[in-house]
Amino acid sequence: MKALIVDLLFGLALLGGDLPEAYRSVSRLVFVVPDAQGAAAAWARAGVPIEAAKLLDGVYGIRVTSALFENGTADFIEPGTKGVLRDFMNAHHGGVFALVHRFPDAASLETELARLARLGAVPALDITWKDRGRYVFLDTYGPGKYSLALAMIPEHSVPMHSRRITQYAFVAHDIERVSAYWEKLGLPAMNYTHPDCSDLIYRGKPGTFDMRLGWQRHGPVPYEWIQPLRGPSTYYDHLEKHGEGLHHLAVNVSDMDRAIAEWSAFGFPMSMGGAWGEKGKPGSGRFAYHDLDRCCGIEVELLWNFNAR
């Protein structure tokens, strides 16, 4: 939420010390869903190109379909009958399991795996398959709320027309504890804000929700960490159904009312929204969440900034 405000407050944070360049961007998001083709088709309705489904040999019959965002790929995986991905599905009922960072070669990948192992983060799943490279999913989900994944894969192919992700947003009970965990692994500590929001709406009625936010940045797309303080809200809804983890992806829009109508027409109803700042003044803006929980286990947040017009 409020990507422009975060830019003004914190700027583009530099990676600390010896942290690899790979952490500046998320190459892929790994969703675990009951219907991979259905999840990808939902994004296709919103203008995101998709790839045909593929069966990944040797990984318990896993099937994957991908959606191609402008700055990353979303892989929708139907888990097999056993293993880490099936365990995630059973525990969280679908959603985003991992954020994947691309390493340029085997040596740099192994060096980073060794560094993380010394700090207590070890592989939970290590997969190599032809034509799709190697993925190593680390056992960070419990304390970190997503699996940190390192991969040696081809570069992202940028679609001519697609959506650009402008924020990765998570919900957690204790964002200081999450921050301390990622800081231990070498990622930046969070900065915290308590937004003063107005015009709150929750599922078509006036809203009363409140939240505290943590901001983590090691590249151009910020990570927002949400600690709900008062509800009802989609944050509490997510915690009840899925537990802690990735709650939404954000996209910027130039006309909020038009975008709300468009995303509702795609089949994703508005679930929650509001505004910040002084209406009609620089620094103000609006946000609106749209519900993709049924297909993908997350929501999409539309962001509009007054002085981004």
Protein backbone atom coordinates (compact mmCIF):
# COMPACT_ATOMS: atom_id res chain seq x y z
CA MET A 1 0.00 0.00 0.00
CA LYS A 2 1.04 3.58 -0.65
CA ALA A 3 4.00 2.76 -2.88
CA LEU A 4 4.70 6.43 -3.61
CA ILE A 5 4.93 7.32 0.09
CA VAL A 6 7.37 4.48 0.62
CA ASP A 7 9.51 5.80 -2.24
CA LEU A 8 9.63 9.23 -0.64
CA LEU A 9 10.39 7.96 2.85
CA PHE A 10 12.92 5.25 2.19
CA GLY A 11 14.14 5.57 -1.39
CA LEU A 12 15.84 2.69 -3.08
CA ALA A 13 17.60 0.76 -0.35
CA LEU A 14 21.00 -0.66 -1.23
CA LEU A 15 21.82 -4.27 -0.57
CA GLY A 16 24.01 -4.68 2.44
CA GLY A 17 27.57 -5.96 2.39
CA ASP A 18 27.92 -9.25 0.59
CA LEU A 19 24.25 -9.92 -0.17
CA PRO A 20 24.04 -11.16 -3.79
CA GLU A 21 22.68 -8.99 -6.58
CA ALA A 22 20.00 -11.65 -7.17
CA TYR A 23 17.98 -10.28 -4.27
CA ARG A 24 17.27 -7.03 -6.11
CA SER A 25 14.39 -8.65 -7.97
CA VAL A 26 11.90 -11.49 -7.70
CA SER A 27 12.19 -13.64 -10.80
CA ARG A 28 9.19 -15.88 -10.10
CA LEU A 29 6.40 -16.39 -7.59
CA VAL A 30 5.40 -19.96 -6.85
CA PHE A 31 1.70 -20.47 -6.15
CA VAL A 32 0.37 -23.80 -4.90
CA VAL A 33 -3.22 -24.18 -6.08
CA PRO A 34 -5.77 -26.94 -6.72
CA ASP A 35 -6.26 -25.89 -10.37
CA ALA A 36 -3.19 -24.44 -12.09
CA GLN A 37 -4.88 -23.78 -15.43
CA GLY A 38 -7.85 -22.12 -13.73
CA ALA A 39 -5.55 -19.84 -11.71
CA ALA A 40 -3.60 -18.77 -14.79
CA ALA A 41 -6.82 -18.25 -16.74
CA ALA A 42 -8.02 -15.84 -14.05
CA TRP A 43 -4.96 -13.65 -14.62
CA ALA A 44 -5.41 -13.95 -18.37
CA ARG A 45 -8.80 -12.25 -17.98
CA ALA A 46 -6.90 -9.35 -16.40
CA GLY A 47 -4.56 -9.06 -19.37
CA VAL A 48 -1.62 -11.19 -18.21
CA PRO A 49 -0.26 -13.60 -20.88
CA ILE A 50 -0.10 -17.26 -19.86
CA GLU A 51 1.93 -20.29 -20.88
CA ALA A 52 0.55 -23.73 -21.60
CA ALA A 53 0.47 -26.25 -18.76
CA LYS A 54 3.50 -28.49 -18.33
CA LEU A 55 3.98 -31.72 -16.41
CA LEU A 56 7.23 -31.67 -14.44
CA ASP A 57 8.72 -35.13 -14.73
CA GLY A 58 10.17 -36.67 -11.62
CA VAL A 59 8.51 -34.31 -9.15
CA TYR A 60 5.57 -36.43 -7.99
CA GLY A 61 3.59 -35.59 -11.13
CA ILE A 62 3.52 -31.83 -10.48
CA ARG A 63 1.67 -29.79 -13.10
CA VAL A 64 2.43 -26.09 -13.63
CA THR A 65 0.93 -23.24 -15.64
CA SER A 66 2.56 -19.81 -15.72
CA ALA A 67 1.41 -16.19 -16.02
CA LEU A 68 3.88 -13.66 -17.45
CA PHE A 69 3.94 -10.32 -15.64
CA GLU A 70 6.09 -7.50 -17.00
CA ASN A 71 8.62 -7.90 -14.17
CA GLY A 72 8.31 -11.55 -13.16
CA THR A 73 6.56 -14.86 -13.73
CA ALA A 74 3.91 -16.50 -11.58
CA ASP A 75 4.04 -20.31 -11.60
CA PHE A 76 0.79 -22.00 -10.58
CA ILE A 77 1.55 -25.50 -9.36
CA GLU A 78 -0.82 -28.34 -8.63
CA PRO A 79 0.98 -30.34 -5.94
CA GLY A 80 1.44 -34.07 -6.12
CA THR A 81 0.27 -36.51 -3.48
CA LYS A 82 3.23 -36.00 -1.18
CA GLY A 83 6.12 -33.69 -0.45
CA VAL A 84 6.69 -30.08 0.63
CA LEU A 85 4.19 -28.55 -1.80
CA ARG A 86 1.43 -30.94 -0.76
CA ASP A 87 2.22 -30.17 2.88
CA PHE A 88 1.84 -26.46 2.11
CA MET A 89 -1.51 -27.04 0.40
CA ASN A 90 -2.79 -29.08 3.32
CA ALA A 91 -1.69 -26.47 5.88
CA HIS A 92 -2.55 -23.24 4.03
CA HIS A 93 -5.25 -24.20 1.51
CA GLY A 94 -3.33 -22.66 -1.37
CA GLY A 95 -1.59 -19.38 -2.05
CA VAL A 96 1.97 -18.19 -2.60
CA PHE A 97 4.56 -20.62 -1.29
CA ALA A 98 7.82 -19.05 -2.52
CA LEU A 99 9.51 -16.00 -3.98
CA VAL A 100 12.29 -17.01 -6.35
CA HIS A 101 15.56 -15.14 -6.91
CA ARG A 102 17.59 -15.93 -10.02
CA PHE A 103 21.33 -16.62 -9.78
CA PRO A 104 23.54 -16.38 -12.88
CA ASP A 105 25.52 -19.60 -12.43
CA ALA A 106 25.97 -22.71 -10.32
CA ALA A 107 28.93 -21.31 -8.37
CA SER A 108 27.07 -18.22 -7.11
CA LEU A 109 24.05 -20.32 -6.21
CA GLU A 110 26.13 -22.80 -4.20
CA THR A 111 27.98 -19.96 -2.46
CA GLU A 112 24.70 -18.41 -1.32
CA LEU A 113 23.27 -21.76 -0.22
CA ALA A 114 26.38 -22.30 1.92
CA ARG A 115 26.05 -18.82 3.47
CA LEU A 116 22.40 -19.38 4.32
CA ALA A 117 23.12 -22.84 5.75
CA ARG A 118 25.62 -21.29 8.16
CA LEU A 119 22.80 -19.01 9.32
CA GLY A 120 20.34 -21.87 9.78
CA ALA A 121 18.33 -21.77 6.53
CA VAL A 122 18.59 -25.10 4.69
CA PRO A 123 16.86 -26.58 1.62
CA ALA A 124 13.39 -28.02 2.07
CA LEU A 125 13.13 -29.00 -1.60
CA ASP A 126 15.82 -29.07 -4.30
CA ILE A 127 14.53 -29.74 -7.82
CA THR A 128 16.36 -29.92 -11.13
CA TRP A 129 14.47 -30.69 -14.34
CA LYS A 130 15.29 -30.31 -17.98
CA ASP A 131 14.40 -27.07 -19.74
CA ARG A 132 13.44 -25.32 -16.48
CA GLY A 133 16.68 -25.29 -14.49
CA ARG A 134 17.24 -25.81 -10.77
CA TYR A 135 15.12 -24.52 -7.88
CA VAL A 136 16.09 -24.71 -4.22
CA PHE A 137 13.28 -23.90 -1.78
CA LEU A 138 14.56 -23.09 1.71
CA ASP A 139 12.87 -23.90 5.01
CA THR A 140 12.10 -20.26 5.79
CA TYR A 141 8.30 -20.33 5.58
CA GLY A 142 7.61 -20.75 9.30
CA PRO A 143 9.59 -17.79 10.68
CA GLY A 144 9.77 -15.78 7.42
CA LYS A 145 6.21 -16.34 6.09
CA TYR A 146 7.38 -17.44 2.65
CA SER A 147 9.90 -19.89 1.27
CA LEU A 148 13.00 -18.10 0.05
CA ALA A 149 13.88 -19.86 -3.21
CA LEU A 150 17.15 -19.66 -5.13
CA ALA A 151 17.24 -20.74 -8.74
CA MET A 152 19.45 -21.08 -11.78
CA ILE A 153 16.96 -20.50 -14.59
CA PRO A 154 16.66 -18.54 -17.86
CA GLU A 155 16.08 -14.81 -17.64
CA HIS A 156 12.51 -13.59 -17.48
CA SER A 157 11.04 -13.00 -20.91
CA VAL A 158 9.26 -9.62 -20.85
CA PRO A 159 5.81 -9.70 -22.53
CA MET A 160 4.92 -6.87 -24.88
CA HIS A 161 1.70 -6.17 -22.95
CA SER A 162 1.16 -7.25 -19.38
CA ARG A 163 0.71 -6.09 -15.79
CA ARG A 164 3.58 -4.82 -13.64
CA ILE A 165 3.78 -5.89 -10.00
CA THR A 166 4.50 -2.87 -7.80
CA GLN A 167 4.37 -4.48 -4.36
CA TYR A 168 4.58 -7.84 -2.61
CA ALA A 169 2.45 -7.69 0.53
CA PHE A 170 2.30 -10.13 3.43
CA VAL A 171 0.19 -10.44 6.56
CA ALA A 172 1.71 -11.53 9.88
CA HIS A 173 0.90 -11.41 13.58
CA ASP A 174 4.27 -10.00 14.68
CA ILE A 175 6.13 -8.04 12.01
CA GLU A 176 9.07 -7.19 14.32
CA ARG A 177 9.78 -10.89 14.74
CA VAL A 178 9.59 -11.42 10.97
CA SER A 179 11.94 -8.48 10.41
CA ALA A 180 14.45 -9.88 12.91
CA TYR A 181 14.42 -13.24 11.13
CA TRP A 182 15.13 -11.83 7.67
CA GLU A 183 17.73 -9.45 9.09
CA LYS A 184 19.52 -12.47 10.56
CA LEU A 185 19.72 -13.89 7.03
CA GLY A 186 21.19 -10.62 5.72
CA LEU A 187 18.12 -8.92 4.27
CA PRO A 188 17.24 -5.33 5.27
CA ALA A 189 15.38 -4.63 8.48
CA MET A 190 11.90 -3.17 8.19
CA ASN A 191 10.82 0.42 8.65
CA TYR A 192 7.41 0.87 10.28
CA THR A 193 4.42 3.14 9.67
CA HIS A 194 0.88 3.41 11.01
CA PRO A 195 -1.24 4.77 8.15
CA ASP A 196 -4.05 7.24 8.76
CA CYS A 197 -6.66 6.00 6.31
CA SER A 198 -10.12 7.30 5.45
CA ASP A 199 -13.18 6.35 3.36
CA LEU A 200 -12.81 2.75 4.54
CA ILE A 201 -14.90 0.05 2.87
CA TYR A 202 -15.07 -3.63 3.80
CA ARG A 203 -17.15 -5.92 1.57
CA GLY A 204 -19.50 -3.16 0.47
CA LYS A 205 -20.06 -1.60 3.90
CA PRO A 206 -18.27 1.13 5.90
CA GLY A 207 -15.02 -0.26 7.28
CA THR A 208 -13.40 0.04 10.71
CA PHE A 209 -10.13 -1.78 10.05
CA ASP A 210 -6.71 -0.64 11.15
CA MET A 211 -3.21 -1.98 10.59
CA ARG A 212 0.45 -1.38 11.24
CA LEU A 213 2.86 -1.68 8.32
CA GLY A 214 6.45 -2.80 7.98
CA TRP A 215 8.41 -1.89 4.83
CA GLN A 216 11.31 -4.00 3.58
CA ARG A 217 13.19 -3.11 0.45
CA HIS A 218 16.14 -4.60 -1.39
CA GLY A 219 15.14 -3.70 -4.92
CA PRO A 220 12.70 -1.50 -6.85
CA VAL A 221 9.58 -3.40 -5.71
CA PRO A 222 8.86 -2.99 -1.96
CA TYR A 223 7.75 -5.72 0.41
CA GLU A 224 4.87 -4.57 2.62
CA TRP A 225 4.30 -6.43 5.90
CA ILE A 226 0.85 -5.94 7.42
CA GLN A 227 0.04 -6.49 11.09
CA PRO A 228 -3.74 -6.10 11.47
CA LEU A 229 -4.86 -4.21 14.58
CA ARG A 230 -8.64 -4.03 14.18
CA GLY A 231 -11.20 -5.61 11.90
CA PRO A 232 -13.07 -7.01 10.24
CA SER A 233 -10.69 -6.89 7.28
CA THR A 234 -9.40 -9.08 4.49
CA TYR A 235 -6.19 -9.36 6.53
CA TYR A 236 -8.02 -11.23 9.26
CA ASP A 237 -9.92 -13.21 6.63
CA HIS A 238 -6.62 -14.34 5.13
CA LEU A 239 -5.15 -15.26 8.51
CA GLU A 240 -8.21 -17.34 9.33
CA LYS A 241 -8.22 -19.27 6.04
CA HIS A 242 -4.57 -19.37 4.96
CA GLY A 243 -2.50 -18.32 7.94
CA GLU A 244 0.41 -15.90 7.72
CA GLY A 245 1.98 -15.28 4.34
CA LEU A 246 1.56 -13.37 1.09
CA HIS A 247 -1.77 -11.55 1.12
CA HIS A 248 -1.73 -9.56 -2.12
CA LEU A 249 0.14 -8.28 -5.14
CA ALA A 250 -0.27 -4.61 -6.01
CA VAL A 251 -0.58 -2.93 -9.40
CA ASN A 252 -0.67 0.82 -10.09
CA VAL A 253 -3.65 2.30 -11.91
CA SER A 254 -4.25 5.72 -13.48
CA ASP A 255 -8.04 5.86 -12.93
CA MET A 256 -9.23 4.14 -9.75
CA ASP A 257 -12.97 4.12 -10.46
CA ARG A 258 -12.42 2.72 -13.92
CA ALA A 259 -9.96 0.11 -12.62
CA ILE A 260 -12.39 -1.03 -9.91
CA ALA A 261 -15.08 -1.51 -12.55
CA GLU A 262 -12.65 -3.39 -14.82
CA TRP A 263 -11.41 -5.79 -12.15
CA SER A 264 -14.95 -6.42 -10.95
CA ALA A 265 -15.90 -7.25 -14.56
CA PHE A 266 -12.99 -9.71 -14.72
CA GLY A 267 -14.84 -11.66 -12.01
CA PHE A 268 -12.87 -10.39 -9.00
CA PRO A 269 -15.15 -8.41 -6.66
CA MET A 270 -13.82 -5.51 -4.62
CA SER A 271 -13.35 -6.70 -1.05
CA MET A 272 -11.87 -3.71 0.77
CA GLY A 273 -10.62 -0.21 0.09
CA GLY A 274 -9.91 3.28 1.32
CA ALA A 275 -7.81 6.40 0.91
CA TRP A 276 -4.86 8.17 2.49
CA GLY A 277 -3.72 11.77 2.69
CA GLU A 278 -5.72 14.94 2.07
CA LYS A 279 -8.09 14.31 -0.81
CA GLY A 280 -7.08 16.14 -3.97
CA LYS A 281 -3.66 17.08 -2.63
CA PRO A 282 -0.19 15.77 -3.58
CA GLY A 283 0.72 12.74 -1.50
CA SER A 284 -2.85 11.46 -1.31
CA GLY A 285 -4.18 8.35 -2.94
CA ARG A 286 -6.60 5.45 -2.92
CA PHE A 287 -6.36 1.68 -2.59
CA ALA A 288 -8.80 -1.09 -3.48
CA TYR A 289 -8.47 -4.83 -2.95
CA HIS A 290 -10.02 -7.33 -5.35
CA ASP A 291 -10.61 -10.92 -4.37
CA LEU A 292 -8.75 -13.70 -6.22
CA ASP A 293 -8.86 -16.03 -3.24
CA ARG A 294 -11.02 -18.67 -4.90
CA CYS A 295 -8.50 -19.33 -7.68
CA CYS A 296 -5.17 -18.16 -6.28
CA GLY A 297 -5.30 -17.76 -2.50
CA ILE A 298 -4.48 -14.03 -2.62
CA GLU A 299 -5.92 -10.63 -3.46
CA VAL A 300 -4.86 -7.85 -5.84
CA GLU A 301 -4.48 -4.30 -4.61
CA LEU A 302 -5.09 -1.43 -7.00
CA LEU A 303 -3.04 1.67 -6.10
CA TRP A 304 -3.72 5.19 -7.28
CA ASN A 305 -1.54 8.17 -6.30
CA PHE A 306 -2.75 11.74 -6.83
CA ASN A 307 0.57 13.07 -8.11
CA ALA A 308 1.17 9.98 -10.27
CA ARG A 309 -1.46 11.10 -12.78
